[in-house]
Amino acid sequence: MTFQAAWKWVKDIFQILLYIGKGISNLPDYQAYVRHLKENHPDRTPPTEKEFFAELLENKYGANAKRC
């Protein structure tokens, strides 16, 4: 196995683990959100990834979060 093939394999495994981790932690997919905005709301500017997750955490755990 060449170095490039081994490196690609490592990157692919990492991407799979990252995908699984996001699914387990119930975090939404930022890239899917950006795609959704571009396809369905072209007039809106997508937030940066940092802004996206900051808003997500604020809605989930912030002062105005909905709790039982």
PDB file of N, CA and C in Angstrom:
ATOM      1  N   MET A   1       0.849  -1.169   0.000  1.00  0.00           N
ATOM      2  CA  MET A   1       0.000   0.000   0.000  1.00  0.00           C
ATOM      3  C   MET A   1       0.898   1.237   0.000  1.00  0.00           C
ATOM      4  N   THR A   2       0.598   2.156  -0.880  1.00  0.00           N
ATOM      5  CA  THR A   2       1.384   3.382  -0.948  1.00  0.00           C
ATOM      6  C   THR A   2       0.990   4.323   0.178  1.00  0.00           C
ATOM      7  N   PHE A   3       1.845   5.307   0.412  1.00  0.00           N
ATOM      8  CA  PHE A   3       1.550   6.295   1.448  1.00  0.00           C
ATOM      9  C   PHE A   3       0.259   7.046   1.137  1.00  0.00           C
ATOM     10  N   GLN A   4       0.063   7.430  -0.132  1.00  0.00           N
ATOM     11  CA  GLN A   4      -1.141   8.172  -0.514  1.00  0.00           C
ATOM     12  C   GLN A   4      -2.397   7.334  -0.274  1.00  0.00           C
ATOM     13  N   ALA A   5      -2.341   6.050  -0.602  1.00  0.00           N
ATOM     14  CA  ALA A   5      -3.501   5.183  -0.393  1.00  0.00           C
ATOM     15  C   ALA A   5      -3.776   5.013   1.100  1.00  0.00           C
ATOM     16  N   ALA A   6      -2.716   4.854   1.888  1.00  0.00           N
ATOM     17  CA  ALA A   6      -2.886   4.711   3.334  1.00  0.00           C
ATOM     18  C   ALA A   6      -3.453   5.998   3.932  1.00  0.00           C
ATOM     19  N   TRP A   7      -2.962   7.136   3.475  1.00  0.00           N
ATOM     20  CA  TRP A   7      -3.443   8.412   3.981  1.00  0.00           C
ATOM     21  C   TRP A   7      -4.913   8.621   3.622  1.00  0.00           C
ATOM     22  N   LYS A   8      -5.292   8.261   2.407  1.00  0.00           N
ATOM     23  CA  LYS A   8      -6.696   8.369   1.992  1.00  0.00           C
ATOM     24  C   LYS A   8      -7.563   7.476   2.871  1.00  0.00           C
ATOM     25  N   TRP A   9      -7.093   6.279   3.171  1.00  0.00           N
ATOM     26  CA  TRP A   9      -7.838   5.355   4.023  1.00  0.00           C
ATOM     27  C   TRP A   9      -8.039   5.956   5.411  1.00  0.00           C
ATOM     28  N   VAL A  10      -6.989   6.551   5.980  1.00  0.00           N
ATOM     29  CA  VAL A  10      -7.081   7.179   7.299  1.00  0.00           C
ATOM     30  C   VAL A  10      -8.079   8.333   7.269  1.00  0.00           C
ATOM     31  N   LYS A  11      -8.011   9.173   6.238  1.00  0.00           N
ATOM     32  CA  LYS A  11      -8.946  10.294   6.118  1.00  0.00           C
ATOM     33  C   LYS A  11     -10.380   9.810   5.979  1.00  0.00           C
ATOM     34  N   ASP A  12     -10.605   8.768   5.195  1.00  0.00           N
ATOM     35  CA  ASP A  12     -11.952   8.215   5.018  1.00  0.00           C
ATOM     36  C   ASP A  12     -12.505   7.675   6.331  1.00  0.00           C
ATOM     37  N   ILE A  13     -11.676   6.954   7.083  1.00  0.00           N
ATOM     38  CA  ILE A  13     -12.100   6.424   8.380  1.00  0.00           C
ATOM     39  C   ILE A  13     -12.427   7.573   9.330  1.00  0.00           C
ATOM     40  N   PHE A  14     -11.599   8.614   9.328  1.00  0.00           N
ATOM     41  CA  PHE A  14     -11.843   9.770  10.180  1.00  0.00           C
ATOM     42  C   PHE A  14     -13.176  10.427   9.833  1.00  0.00           C
ATOM     43  N   GLN A  15     -13.466  10.595   8.545  1.00  0.00           N
ATOM     44  CA  GLN A  15     -14.731  11.200   8.123  1.00  0.00           C
ATOM     45  C   GLN A  15     -15.919  10.359   8.575  1.00  0.00           C
ATOM     46  N   ILE A  16     -15.791   9.048   8.487  1.00  0.00           N
ATOM     47  CA  ILE A  16     -16.864   8.154   8.932  1.00  0.00           C
ATOM     48  C   ILE A  16     -17.075   8.293  10.437  1.00  0.00           C
ATOM     49  N   LEU A  17     -15.993   8.298  11.203  1.00  0.00           N
ATOM     50  CA  LEU A  17     -16.097   8.448  12.654  1.00  0.00           C
ATOM     51  C   LEU A  17     -16.682   9.808  13.039  1.00  0.00           C
ATOM     52  N   LEU A  18     -16.303  10.836  12.313  1.00  0.00           N
ATOM     53  CA  LEU A  18     -16.845  12.169  12.566  1.00  0.00           C
ATOM     54  C   LEU A  18     -18.345  12.188  12.294  1.00  0.00           C
ATOM     55  N   TYR A  19     -18.769  11.578  11.201  1.00  0.00           N
ATOM     56  CA  TYR A  19     -20.188  11.495  10.854  1.00  0.00           C
ATOM     57  C   TYR A  19     -20.963  10.745  11.940  1.00  0.00           C
ATOM     58  N   ILE A  20     -20.422   9.631  12.400  1.00  0.00           N
ATOM     59  CA  ILE A  20     -21.066   8.854  13.455  1.00  0.00           C
ATOM     60  C   ILE A  20     -21.134   9.664  14.746  1.00  0.00           C
ATOM     61  N   GLY A  21     -20.047  10.333  15.077  1.00  0.00           N
ATOM     62  CA  GLY A  21     -20.005  11.151  16.289  1.00  0.00           C
ATOM     63  C   GLY A  21     -21.037  12.263  16.271  1.00  0.00           C
ATOM     64  N   LYS A  22     -21.195  12.917  15.130  1.00  0.00           N
ATOM     65  CA  LYS A  22     -22.205  13.974  15.023  1.00  0.00           C
ATOM     66  C   LYS A  22     -23.601  13.390  15.165  1.00  0.00           C
ATOM     67  N   GLY A  23     -23.811  12.209  14.618  1.00  0.00           N
ATOM     68  CA  GLY A  23     -25.117  11.569  14.748  1.00  0.00           C
ATOM     69  C   GLY A  23     -25.421  11.200  16.182  1.00  0.00           C
ATOM     70  N   ILE A  24     -24.441  10.671  16.886  1.00  0.00           N
ATOM     71  CA  ILE A  24     -24.633  10.283  18.283  1.00  0.00           C
ATOM     72  C   ILE A  24     -24.878  11.513  19.154  1.00  0.00           C
ATOM     73  N   SER A  25     -24.146  12.583  18.893  1.00  0.00           N
ATOM     74  CA  SER A  25     -24.280  13.781  19.713  1.00  0.00           C
ATOM     75  C   SER A  25     -25.470  14.634  19.296  1.00  0.00           C
ATOM     76  N   ASN A  26     -26.169  14.225  18.250  1.00  0.00           N
ATOM     77  CA  ASN A  26     -27.361  14.919  17.760  1.00  0.00           C
ATOM     78  C   ASN A  26     -27.058  16.327  17.252  1.00  0.00           C
ATOM     79  N   LEU A  27     -25.844  16.533  16.733  1.00  0.00           N
ATOM     80  CA  LEU A  27     -25.494  17.823  16.146  1.00  0.00           C
ATOM     81  C   LEU A  27     -25.927  17.849  14.686  1.00  0.00           C
ATOM     82  N   PRO A  28     -26.526  18.932  14.244  1.00  0.00           N
ATOM     83  CA  PRO A  28     -26.927  19.027  12.842  1.00  0.00           C
ATOM     84  C   PRO A  28     -25.710  19.191  11.928  1.00  0.00           C
ATOM     85  N   ASP A  29     -25.903  18.885  10.675  1.00  0.00           N
ATOM     86  CA  ASP A  29     -24.842  18.972   9.679  1.00  0.00           C
ATOM     87  C   ASP A  29     -24.813  20.385   9.091  1.00  0.00           C
ATOM     88  N   TYR A  30     -23.727  21.098   9.342  1.00  0.00           N
ATOM     89  CA  TYR A  30     -23.601  22.480   8.864  1.00  0.00           C
ATOM     90  C   TYR A  30     -23.656  22.555   7.340  1.00  0.00           C
ATOM     91  N   GLN A  31     -22.950  21.655   6.662  1.00  0.00           N
ATOM     92  CA  GLN A  31     -22.931  21.688   5.193  1.00  0.00           C
ATOM     93  C   GLN A  31     -24.325  21.452   4.621  1.00  0.00           C
ATOM     94  N   ALA A  32     -25.096  20.560   5.217  1.00  0.00           N
ATOM     95  CA  ALA A  32     -26.470  20.315   4.765  1.00  0.00           C
ATOM     96  C   ALA A  32     -27.327  21.561   4.983  1.00  0.00           C
ATOM     97  N   TYR A  33     -27.104  22.249   6.088  1.00  0.00           N
ATOM     98  CA  TYR A  33     -27.841  23.481   6.371  1.00  0.00           C
ATOM     99  C   TYR A  33     -27.533  24.554   5.326  1.00  0.00           C
ATOM    100  N   VAL A  34     -26.260  24.707   4.996  1.00  0.00           N
ATOM    101  CA  VAL A  34     -25.859  25.700   3.984  1.00  0.00           C
ATOM    102  C   VAL A  34     -26.474  25.342   2.629  1.00  0.00           C
ATOM    103  N   ARG A  35     -26.439  24.050   2.278  1.00  0.00           N
ATOM    104  CA  ARG A  35     -27.071  23.613   1.024  1.00  0.00           C
ATOM    105  C   ARG A  35     -28.551  23.947   1.021  1.00  0.00           C
ATOM    106  N   HIS A  36     -29.231  23.683   2.141  1.00  0.00           N
ATOM    107  CA  HIS A  36     -30.654  23.985   2.263  1.00  0.00           C
ATOM    108  C   HIS A  36     -30.912  25.472   2.054  1.00  0.00           C
ATOM    109  N   LEU A  37     -30.108  26.321   2.703  1.00  0.00           N
ATOM    110  CA  LEU A  37     -30.293  27.760   2.552  1.00  0.00           C
ATOM    111  C   LEU A  37     -30.108  28.204   1.107  1.00  0.00           C
ATOM    112  N   LYS A  38     -29.074  27.684   0.447  1.00  0.00           N
ATOM    113  CA  LYS A  38     -28.812  28.091  -0.939  1.00  0.00           C
ATOM    114  C   LYS A  38     -29.921  27.646  -1.876  1.00  0.00           C
ATOM    115  N   GLU A  39     -30.486  26.457  -1.634  1.00  0.00           N
ATOM    116  CA  GLU A  39     -31.534  25.936  -2.511  1.00  0.00           C
ATOM    117  C   GLU A  39     -32.902  26.550  -2.229  1.00  0.00           C
ATOM    118  N   ASN A  40     -33.218  26.784  -0.961  1.00  0.00           N
ATOM    119  CA  ASN A  40     -34.564  27.199  -0.591  1.00  0.00           C
ATOM    120  C   ASN A  40     -34.699  28.652  -0.152  1.00  0.00           C
ATOM    121  N   HIS A  41     -33.614  29.275   0.228  1.00  0.00           N
ATOM    122  CA  HIS A  41     -33.630  30.660   0.709  1.00  0.00           C
ATOM    123  C   HIS A  41     -32.435  31.412   0.131  1.00  0.00           C
ATOM    124  N   PRO A  42     -32.381  31.581  -1.178  1.00  0.00           N
ATOM    125  CA  PRO A  42     -31.195  32.198  -1.796  1.00  0.00           C
ATOM    126  C   PRO A  42     -30.961  33.638  -1.365  1.00  0.00           C
ATOM    127  N   ASP A  43     -31.976  34.297  -0.815  1.00  0.00           N
ATOM    128  CA  ASP A  43     -31.813  35.683  -0.378  1.00  0.00           C
ATOM    129  C   ASP A  43     -31.113  35.791   0.975  1.00  0.00           C
ATOM    130  N   ARG A  44     -31.028  34.694   1.728  1.00  0.00           N
ATOM    131  CA  ARG A  44     -30.381  34.705   3.049  1.00  0.00           C
ATOM    132  C   ARG A  44     -28.904  34.356   2.925  1.00  0.00           C
ATOM    133  N   THR A  45     -28.088  35.042   3.690  1.00  0.00           N
ATOM    134  CA  THR A  45     -26.655  34.754   3.736  1.00  0.00           C
ATOM    135  C   THR A  45     -26.420  33.698   4.807  1.00  0.00           C
ATOM    136  N   PRO A  46     -25.789  32.575   4.446  1.00  0.00           N
ATOM    137  CA  PRO A  46     -25.539  31.537   5.456  1.00  0.00           C
ATOM    138  C   PRO A  46     -24.577  32.038   6.535  1.00  0.00           C
ATOM    139  N   PRO A  47     -24.820  31.644   7.783  1.00  0.00           N
ATOM    140  CA  PRO A  47     -23.887  32.029   8.843  1.00  0.00           C
ATOM    141  C   PRO A  47     -22.589  31.249   8.697  1.00  0.00           C
ATOM    142  N   THR A  48     -21.559  31.733   9.337  1.00  0.00           N
ATOM    143  CA  THR A  48     -20.315  30.964   9.363  1.00  0.00           C
ATOM    144  C   THR A  48     -20.569  29.720  10.215  1.00  0.00           C
ATOM    145  N   GLU A  49     -19.678  28.749  10.117  1.00  0.00           N
ATOM    146  CA  GLU A  49     -19.844  27.530  10.901  1.00  0.00           C
ATOM    147  C   GLU A  49     -19.817  27.854  12.396  1.00  0.00           C
ATOM    148  N   LYS A  50     -18.953  28.777  12.786  1.00  0.00           N
ATOM    149  CA  LYS A  50     -18.856  29.170  14.189  1.00  0.00           C
ATOM    150  C   LYS A  50     -20.165  29.817  14.646  1.00  0.00           C
ATOM    151  N   GLU A  51     -20.740  30.706  13.836  1.00  0.00           N
ATOM    152  CA  GLU A  51     -21.999  31.355  14.175  1.00  0.00           C
ATOM    153  C   GLU A  51     -23.137  30.337  14.243  1.00  0.00           C
ATOM    154  N   PHE A  52     -23.126  29.377  13.319  1.00  0.00           N
ATOM    155  CA  PHE A  52     -24.153  28.342  13.271  1.00  0.00           C
ATOM    156  C   PHE A  52     -24.192  27.549  14.575  1.00  0.00           C
ATOM    157  N   PHE A  53     -23.032  27.074  15.024  1.00  0.00           N
ATOM    158  CA  PHE A  53     -22.988  26.269  16.237  1.00  0.00           C
ATOM    159  C   PHE A  53     -23.196  27.118  17.490  1.00  0.00           C
ATOM    160  N   ALA A  54     -22.765  28.378  17.471  1.00  0.00           N
ATOM    161  CA  ALA A  54     -23.010  29.259  18.620  1.00  0.00           C
ATOM    162  C   ALA A  54     -24.511  29.480  18.800  1.00  0.00           C
ATOM    163  N   GLU A  55     -25.221  29.709  17.703  1.00  0.00           N
ATOM    164  CA  GLU A  55     -26.677  29.892  17.772  1.00  0.00           C
ATOM    165  C   GLU A  55     -27.368  28.605  18.217  1.00  0.00           C
ATOM    166  N   LEU A  56     -26.883  27.481  17.712  1.00  0.00           N
ATOM    167  CA  LEU A  56     -27.436  26.187  18.104  1.00  0.00           C
ATOM    168  C   LEU A  56     -27.303  25.978  19.612  1.00  0.00           C
ATOM    169  N   LEU A  57     -26.120  26.234  20.154  1.00  0.00           N
ATOM    170  CA  LEU A  57     -25.896  26.056  21.588  1.00  0.00           C
ATOM    171  C   LEU A  57     -26.695  27.065  22.411  1.00  0.00           C
ATOM    172  N   GLU A  58     -26.827  28.281  21.910  1.00  0.00           N
ATOM    173  CA  GLU A  58     -27.608  29.294  22.618  1.00  0.00           C
ATOM    174  C   GLU A  58     -29.080  28.877  22.680  1.00  0.00           C
ATOM    175  N   ASN A  59     -29.605  28.366  21.572  1.00  0.00           N
ATOM    176  CA  ASN A  59     -31.000  27.924  21.553  1.00  0.00           C
ATOM    177  C   ASN A  59     -31.220  26.713  22.453  1.00  0.00           C
ATOM    178  N   LYS A  60     -30.222  25.867  22.546  1.00  0.00           N
ATOM    179  CA  LYS A  60     -30.369  24.639  23.327  1.00  0.00           C
ATOM    180  C   LYS A  60     -30.135  24.868  24.821  1.00  0.00           C
ATOM    181  N   TYR A  61     -29.140  25.682  25.178  1.00  0.00           N
ATOM    182  CA  TYR A  61     -28.751  25.829  26.577  1.00  0.00           C
ATOM    183  C   TYR A  61     -28.831  27.253  27.118  1.00  0.00           C
ATOM    184  N   GLY A  62     -29.144  28.223  26.282  1.00  0.00           N
ATOM    185  CA  GLY A  62     -29.140  29.621  26.707  1.00  0.00           C
ATOM    186  C   GLY A  62     -30.293  29.973  27.619  1.00  0.00           C
ATOM    187  N   ALA A  63     -30.370  31.257  27.952  1.00  0.00           N
ATOM    188  CA  ALA A  63     -31.379  31.750  28.894  1.00  0.00           C
ATOM    189  C   ALA A  63     -32.801  31.545  28.374  1.00  0.00           C
ATOM    190  N   ASN A  64     -32.996  31.605  27.056  1.00  0.00           N
ATOM    191  CA  ASN A  64     -34.339  31.467  26.487  1.00  0.00           C
ATOM    192  C   ASN A  64     -34.628  30.058  25.981  1.00  0.00           C
ATOM    193  N   ALA A  65     -33.816  29.100  26.385  1.00  0.00           N
ATOM    194  CA  ALA A  65     -33.998  27.727  25.925  1.00  0.00           C
ATOM    195  C   ALA A  65     -35.277  27.138  26.515  1.00  0.00           C
ATOM    196  N   LYS A  66     -35.945  26.302  25.717  1.00  0.00           N
ATOM    197  CA  LYS A  66     -37.160  25.645  26.181  1.00  0.00           C
ATOM    198  C   LYS A  66     -36.771  24.420  26.994  1.00  0.00           C
ATOM    199  N   ARG A  67     -37.293  24.366  28.204  1.00  0.00           N
ATOM    200  CA  ARG A  67     -36.990  23.241  29.098  1.00  0.00           C
ATOM    201  C   ARG A  67     -38.283  22.673  29.651  1.00  0.00           C
ATOM    202  N   CYS A  68     -38.205  21.435  30.082  1.00  0.00           N
ATOM    203  CA  CYS A  68     -39.360  20.767  30.707  1.00  0.00           C
ATOM    204  C   CYS A  68     -39.565  21.298  32.108  1.00  0.00           C
TER     205      CYS A  68
END
